[in-house]
């Protein structure tokens, strides 16, 4: 479906990028994003990576679907062919996205086999060609911001040698907002899971890049698990922080984002309130032929670290696959968790 809500403008997106939830394959689908949006009005949300060939050659435009309530939301594309990425960008803008992000960071085998993702760190000129084509396409389709998410380097590259040149190339091509995952990717010998932990983080290098490229809006990603850590990076001069697994596994942290990082008054909403607010959405999804599990799998961590968290997870997991499962499953699971004060 095409959104009936205007796409956010560049000013709104730059503000929202102060705290963003990372694009995560198999996790940040439209159900997850709707759930996360109930906890933060301000944070920037990202789709899972959508492969440009799937849109252009496979006609899988349904992968771009989102609920207007998710805004501000950005789509991340994967690809390495400028013409194909341009066509995919036009489709994304037509769907209502105000930001189109190019994936230059994913280390998975299936991404490498398509010659995109982190392997593109080795070909900055090609990345520049890709983003230039995407920006031309976005402008022709009505306007959208093109951004990049990259690594500090791959394989035997020396990050301090290659990252400045990479950023200079994409900036020269017209990109003014980049998210840097502060961990090098090893494309051979390490699994995507191992790539999340084994190469050491270099947050200091990302801060150096902000000083070297003060005109670039730079966000940092990788190993950031709390809002206090996020605030430390922002206070030190970075423009944004992107949080991935921590936000997924402990989504209730998002309840405090708007007050902690965007200067809003506390919402007063609790995790229980969020669970109850999901009930109409779940009911509509089931009525349309969907499965409860499609939605509730993203809600398992809602009470992480709280009394009753295990009972909540167990109740949702055990009942979500039953053919008759519906919103009552969440109501029953919620009854097992003691109410708590607002975040």
Protein backbone atom coordinates (compact mmCIF):
# COMPACT_ATOMS: atom_id res chain seq x y z
CA UNK A 1 0.00 0.00 0.00
CA UNK A 2 1.05 3.59 -0.56
CA UNK A 3 1.04 5.80 2.52
CA UNK A 4 -1.66 8.45 2.67
CA UNK A 5 0.42 10.51 5.08
CA UNK A 6 3.00 12.93 3.60
CA UNK A 7 6.59 11.73 3.91
CA UNK A 8 8.57 13.59 6.58
CA UNK A 9 10.83 16.35 5.29
CA UNK A 10 14.59 16.46 5.67
CA UNK A 11 14.47 18.62 8.81
CA UNK A 12 12.15 16.16 10.54
CA UNK A 13 14.30 13.20 9.51
CA UNK A 14 17.53 14.81 10.70
CA UNK A 15 15.94 15.51 14.06
CA UNK A 16 14.54 11.98 14.29
CA UNK A 17 17.97 10.54 13.49
CA UNK A 18 19.17 11.73 16.89
CA UNK A 19 18.03 8.26 17.97
CA UNK A 20 17.20 5.59 15.43
CA UNK A 21 16.41 1.89 15.59
CA UNK A 22 18.68 -0.04 13.24
CA UNK A 23 17.45 -1.95 10.19
CA UNK A 24 17.61 -5.61 11.21
CA UNK A 25 16.87 -8.50 8.87
CA UNK A 26 13.93 -10.66 9.99
CA UNK A 27 13.25 -8.28 12.88
CA UNK A 28 12.30 -4.72 11.92
CA UNK A 29 9.32 -5.61 9.77
CA UNK A 30 6.17 -3.49 9.68
CA UNK A 31 4.69 -5.16 12.79
CA UNK A 32 7.84 -4.49 14.79
CA UNK A 33 7.95 -0.88 13.64
CA UNK A 34 4.32 -0.25 14.54
CA UNK A 35 5.03 -1.67 18.00
CA UNK A 36 8.14 0.48 18.44
CA UNK A 37 6.32 3.61 17.32
CA UNK A 38 3.87 3.22 20.20
CA UNK A 39 6.80 3.82 22.53
CA UNK A 40 8.48 6.76 20.82
CA UNK A 41 6.92 9.47 18.69
CA UNK A 42 10.34 10.87 17.77
CA UNK A 43 12.84 8.09 17.01
CA UNK A 44 13.62 7.27 13.39
CA UNK A 45 12.64 3.73 12.41
CA UNK A 46 14.13 1.68 9.58
CA UNK A 47 12.79 -1.16 7.49
CA UNK A 48 14.62 -4.40 7.09
CA UNK A 49 16.99 -4.23 4.15
CA UNK A 50 15.00 -4.55 0.93
CA UNK A 51 17.00 -5.94 -2.00
CA UNK A 52 16.71 -3.69 -5.04
CA UNK A 53 16.60 -6.69 -7.41
CA UNK A 54 13.57 -8.04 -5.53
CA UNK A 55 11.73 -4.79 -6.23
CA UNK A 56 12.91 -4.18 -9.78
CA UNK A 57 13.18 -7.69 -11.21
CA UNK A 58 10.92 -9.56 -8.80
CA UNK A 59 8.15 -6.99 -8.55
CA UNK A 60 8.00 -7.48 -4.77
CA UNK A 61 6.75 -3.98 -4.04
CA UNK A 62 4.79 -5.34 -1.06
CA UNK A 63 8.13 -5.32 0.77
CA UNK A 64 7.79 -1.54 0.92
CA UNK A 65 4.43 -1.59 2.70
CA UNK A 66 4.14 0.28 5.98
CA UNK A 67 1.47 1.80 8.17
CA UNK A 68 1.36 5.62 8.05
CA UNK A 69 1.50 5.55 11.88
CA UNK A 70 5.12 4.37 11.62
CA UNK A 71 6.39 7.73 10.34
CA UNK A 72 9.10 8.88 10.50
CA UNK A 73 10.29 5.67 8.86
CA UNK A 74 13.09 5.13 6.33
CA UNK A 75 13.63 2.30 3.88
CA UNK A 76 17.00 0.62 3.52
CA UNK A 77 17.91 -0.74 0.10
CA UNK A 78 20.55 -3.29 -0.79
CA UNK A 79 22.14 -3.33 -4.21
CA UNK A 80 25.16 -2.37 -6.27
CA UNK A 81 23.74 -1.50 -9.68
CA UNK A 82 23.11 2.26 -9.97
CA UNK A 83 20.30 1.85 -12.49
CA UNK A 84 18.55 -0.79 -10.45
CA UNK A 85 18.91 1.22 -7.25
CA UNK A 86 17.48 4.25 -9.04
CA UNK A 87 14.37 2.27 -10.03
CA UNK A 88 14.04 0.89 -6.49
CA UNK A 89 14.38 4.41 -5.09
CA UNK A 90 11.58 5.69 -7.32
CA UNK A 91 9.37 2.86 -6.06
CA UNK A 92 10.22 3.72 -2.44
CA UNK A 93 9.46 7.41 -2.89
CA UNK A 94 6.16 6.53 -4.57
CA UNK A 95 5.34 4.42 -1.53
CA UNK A 96 5.75 7.43 0.76
CA UNK A 97 9.27 7.16 2.15
CA UNK A 98 11.12 10.39 2.85
CA UNK A 99 14.48 8.68 3.30
CA UNK A 100 16.15 5.94 1.26
CA UNK A 101 19.25 4.41 2.87
CA UNK A 102 21.91 2.40 1.03
CA UNK A 103 23.25 -0.66 2.87
CA UNK A 104 27.05 -0.68 2.84
CA UNK A 105 27.37 -2.63 6.06
CA UNK A 106 25.71 -6.06 6.02
CA UNK A 107 28.29 -8.90 6.03
CA UNK A 108 25.99 -11.87 5.33
CA UNK A 109 26.86 -14.39 2.63
CA UNK A 110 23.62 -13.83 0.74
CA UNK A 111 24.31 -10.10 0.59
CA UNK A 112 27.89 -10.63 -0.55
CA UNK A 113 26.72 -12.97 -3.29
CA UNK A 114 24.69 -10.07 -4.65
CA UNK A 115 27.80 -7.84 -4.57
CA UNK A 116 26.32 -5.41 -2.09
CA UNK A 117 26.37 -4.72 1.63
CA UNK A 118 29.70 -4.38 3.44
CA UNK A 119 31.70 -5.59 0.43
CA UNK A 120 30.96 -2.19 -1.15
CA UNK A 121 33.41 -0.63 1.32
CA UNK A 122 36.04 -1.88 -1.15
CA UNK A 123 34.55 0.12 -4.04
CA UNK A 124 33.79 3.66 -2.86
CA UNK A 125 33.60 4.95 -6.44
CA UNK A 126 30.79 2.50 -7.15
CA UNK A 127 29.00 3.58 -3.96
CA UNK A 128 29.28 7.19 -5.10
CA UNK A 129 27.77 6.25 -8.46
CA UNK A 130 24.95 4.39 -6.71
CA UNK A 131 23.98 7.22 -4.38
CA UNK A 132 24.20 9.78 -7.17
CA UNK A 133 21.77 7.69 -9.25
CA UNK A 134 19.50 7.26 -6.22
CA UNK A 135 19.44 11.01 -5.54
CA UNK A 136 18.57 11.80 -9.16
CA UNK A 137 15.78 9.24 -9.02
CA UNK A 138 14.49 10.55 -5.69
CA UNK A 139 14.37 14.11 -6.99
CA UNK A 140 12.54 13.02 -10.11
CA UNK A 141 10.00 11.04 -8.08
CA UNK A 142 9.06 13.94 -5.83
CA UNK A 143 11.96 14.19 -3.42
CA UNK A 144 13.54 12.10 -0.67
CA UNK A 145 16.80 12.10 1.28
CA UNK A 146 19.42 9.49 0.32
CA UNK A 147 21.64 8.30 3.17
CA UNK A 148 24.29 5.63 3.71
CA UNK A 149 24.95 3.10 6.46
CA UNK A 150 28.48 1.73 6.35
CA UNK A 151 31.20 -0.05 8.33
CA UNK A 152 34.55 1.41 9.34
CA UNK A 153 36.16 -1.07 6.97
CA UNK A 154 36.25 -4.71 5.90
CA UNK A 155 38.74 -7.57 6.02
CA UNK A 156 42.35 -6.35 5.95
CA UNK A 157 41.48 -2.70 5.37
CA UNK A 158 42.93 -0.26 7.88
CA UNK A 159 39.86 1.74 8.98
CA UNK A 160 41.79 4.93 9.66
CA UNK A 161 43.12 4.78 6.12
CA UNK A 162 39.95 3.86 4.22
CA UNK A 163 37.06 5.42 6.14
CA UNK A 164 38.01 9.08 5.54
CA UNK A 165 38.29 8.43 1.81
CA UNK A 166 34.99 6.58 1.74
CA UNK A 167 33.18 9.39 3.54
CA UNK A 168 34.76 11.97 1.25
CA UNK A 169 33.50 10.07 -1.80
CA UNK A 170 29.91 9.80 -0.65
CA UNK A 171 29.89 13.41 0.54
CA UNK A 172 31.17 14.55 -2.86
CA UNK A 173 28.33 12.57 -4.45
CA UNK A 174 25.83 14.62 -2.43
CA UNK A 175 25.16 12.51 0.67
CA UNK A 176 25.02 14.58 3.85
CA UNK A 177 23.92 11.97 6.41
CA UNK A 178 25.81 8.75 7.18
CA UNK A 179 25.49 6.13 9.91
CA UNK A 180 28.73 4.36 10.73
CA UNK A 181 28.76 0.93 12.35
CA UNK A 182 31.93 1.23 14.43
CA UNK A 183 33.06 -2.35 13.87
CA UNK A 184 35.02 -3.71 10.92
CA UNK A 185 33.35 -6.57 9.03
CA UNK A 186 35.19 -9.76 8.18
CA UNK A 187 33.64 -11.10 5.01
CA UNK A 188 35.48 -14.42 5.07
CA UNK A 189 35.80 -16.72 8.06
CA UNK A 190 33.22 -15.09 10.35
CA UNK A 191 29.47 -15.55 10.38
CA UNK A 192 27.14 -12.53 10.51
CA UNK A 193 26.55 -13.35 14.18
CA UNK A 194 30.29 -13.40 14.90
CA UNK A 195 30.65 -10.11 13.00
CA UNK A 196 28.49 -8.49 15.70
CA UNK A 197 31.01 -9.22 18.45
CA UNK A 198 34.47 -10.34 17.36
CA UNK A 199 36.04 -7.42 15.46
CA UNK A 200 36.69 -4.74 18.10
CA UNK A 201 34.55 -1.63 18.22
CA UNK A 202 36.25 1.67 17.46
CA UNK A 203 33.85 4.35 18.64
CA UNK A 204 36.72 6.83 18.86
CA UNK A 205 37.27 6.61 15.10
CA UNK A 206 33.68 7.63 14.41
CA UNK A 207 34.12 10.65 16.67
CA UNK A 208 37.32 11.50 14.77
CA UNK A 209 35.35 11.38 11.53
CA UNK A 210 32.83 13.88 12.88
CA UNK A 211 35.67 16.26 13.65
CA UNK A 212 37.15 15.65 10.20
CA UNK A 213 33.79 16.08 8.43
CA UNK A 214 31.89 18.62 10.55
CA UNK A 215 29.38 19.25 7.75
CA UNK A 216 28.28 15.61 7.66
CA UNK A 217 25.44 14.46 9.91
CA UNK A 218 27.08 11.40 11.48
CA UNK A 219 25.35 8.74 13.56
CA UNK A 220 27.15 5.97 15.40
CA UNK A 221 26.04 2.35 15.59
CA UNK A 222 27.44 -0.73 17.28
CA UNK A 223 27.57 -1.89 20.88
CA UNK A 224 25.34 0.87 22.28
CA UNK A 225 22.92 -0.65 24.77
CA UNK A 226 21.49 2.16 26.91
CA UNK A 227 20.15 5.68 26.52
CA UNK A 228 22.84 6.92 28.89
CA UNK A 229 25.47 5.59 26.47
CA UNK A 230 23.61 7.23 23.60
CA UNK A 231 23.57 10.55 25.41
CA UNK A 232 27.33 10.31 26.01
CA UNK A 233 27.95 10.03 22.27
CA UNK A 234 25.59 12.91 21.51
CA UNK A 235 27.13 15.12 24.17
CA UNK A 236 30.55 14.39 22.68
CA UNK A 237 29.49 15.88 19.35
CA UNK A 238 27.91 13.16 17.24
CA UNK A 239 24.62 14.00 15.54
CA UNK A 240 22.85 10.71 16.11
CA UNK A 241 22.94 7.27 17.66
CA UNK A 242 21.53 4.10 16.15
CA UNK A 243 20.62 1.24 18.48
CA UNK A 244 19.93 -2.25 17.19
CA UNK A 245 19.68 -5.45 19.21
CA UNK A 246 19.32 -3.67 22.55
CA UNK A 247 16.19 -1.89 21.32
CA UNK A 248 14.77 -5.12 19.95
CA UNK A 249 15.42 -7.31 22.98
CA UNK A 250 14.47 -4.60 25.50
CA UNK A 251 12.00 -2.45 23.56
CA UNK A 252 10.62 -0.75 26.68
CA UNK A 253 13.79 1.35 26.68
CA UNK A 254 12.11 3.29 23.86
CA UNK A 255 9.48 4.56 26.31
CA UNK A 256 12.09 6.92 27.75
CA UNK A 257 13.63 8.10 24.47
CA UNK A 258 11.45 11.13 23.77
CA UNK A 259 12.00 12.65 27.21
CA UNK A 260 15.65 11.62 27.54
CA UNK A 261 16.94 12.61 24.11
CA UNK A 262 14.34 14.82 22.40
CA UNK A 263 13.31 17.14 25.23
CA UNK A 264 9.70 16.03 25.36
CA UNK A 265 7.69 15.70 28.55
CA UNK A 266 7.43 12.10 29.77
CA UNK A 267 4.52 10.36 28.06
CA UNK A 268 3.40 8.55 31.20
CA UNK A 269 2.82 5.46 29.08
CA UNK A 270 3.82 2.10 30.57
CA UNK A 271 4.76 -1.19 28.95
CA UNK A 272 1.31 -2.48 29.95
CA UNK A 273 -0.25 0.46 28.11
CA UNK A 274 1.76 -0.41 25.01
CA UNK A 275 0.69 -4.05 25.11
CA UNK A 276 -2.94 -3.00 25.40
CA UNK A 277 -2.54 -0.50 22.57
CA UNK A 278 -1.38 -3.34 20.32
CA UNK A 279 -4.66 -5.26 20.74
CA UNK A 280 -6.62 -3.50 17.96
CA UNK A 281 -3.66 -3.88 15.62
CA UNK A 282 -3.41 -7.60 16.37
CA UNK A 283 -7.15 -8.03 15.93
CA UNK A 284 -7.04 -6.34 12.52
CA UNK A 285 -4.05 -8.42 11.46
CA UNK A 286 -5.76 -11.69 12.41
CA UNK A 287 -9.01 -10.58 10.73
CA UNK A 288 -7.03 -10.01 7.52
CA UNK A 289 -5.74 -13.60 7.66
CA UNK A 290 -2.48 -13.03 9.51
CA UNK A 291 -1.08 -14.98 12.42
CA UNK A 292 -0.78 -13.66 15.96
CA UNK A 293 2.83 -14.84 16.03
CA UNK A 294 3.69 -12.42 13.21
CA UNK A 295 3.18 -9.60 15.70
CA UNK A 296 3.75 -11.06 19.16
CA UNK A 297 7.21 -12.42 18.33
CA UNK A 298 8.39 -8.80 18.42
CA UNK A 299 6.80 -8.21 21.82
CA UNK A 300 8.56 -10.97 23.78
CA UNK A 301 11.11 -8.60 25.32
CA UNK A 302 8.64 -5.93 26.39
CA UNK A 303 9.06 -6.72 30.09
CA UNK A 304 12.75 -7.68 29.99
CA UNK A 305 14.29 -7.49 33.45
CA UNK A 306 10.91 -7.06 35.12
CA UNK A 307 9.01 -9.43 37.45
CA UNK A 308 6.78 -11.62 35.32
CA UNK A 309 8.92 -11.33 32.19
CA UNK A 310 9.45 -15.07 31.91
CA UNK A 311 5.74 -15.82 32.36
CA UNK A 312 4.93 -13.20 29.70
CA UNK A 313 7.33 -14.74 27.20
CA UNK A 314 6.17 -18.26 27.95
CA UNK A 315 2.48 -17.39 27.56
CA UNK A 316 3.03 -15.61 24.25
CA UNK A 317 5.33 -18.28 22.84
CA UNK A 318 3.20 -21.22 23.86
CA UNK A 319 -0.08 -19.88 22.53
CA UNK A 320 0.85 -17.84 19.47
CA UNK A 321 0.87 -20.76 17.05
CA UNK A 322 -2.59 -22.06 17.99
CA UNK A 323 -5.05 -21.69 15.07
CA UNK A 324 -7.55 -19.85 17.25
CA UNK A 325 -5.00 -17.45 18.77
CA UNK A 326 -6.04 -13.81 18.85
CA UNK A 327 -5.75 -10.68 21.00
CA UNK A 328 -6.94 -12.65 24.05
CA UNK A 329 -3.52 -14.32 24.07
CA UNK A 330 -1.90 -10.96 24.88
CA UNK A 331 -4.52 -10.15 27.51
CA UNK A 332 -3.87 -13.46 29.21
CA UNK A 333 -0.09 -13.01 29.08
CA UNK A 334 -0.39 -9.45 30.39
CA UNK A 335 -2.27 -10.65 33.47
CA UNK A 336 0.91 -12.49 34.51
CA UNK A 337 2.99 -9.31 34.76
CA UNK A 338 2.62 -6.91 37.71
CA UNK A 339 1.81 -3.32 36.75
CA UNK A 340 4.65 -0.83 37.15
CA UNK A 341 5.04 2.93 37.30
CA UNK A 342 5.43 4.86 34.03
CA UNK A 343 8.92 5.12 32.55
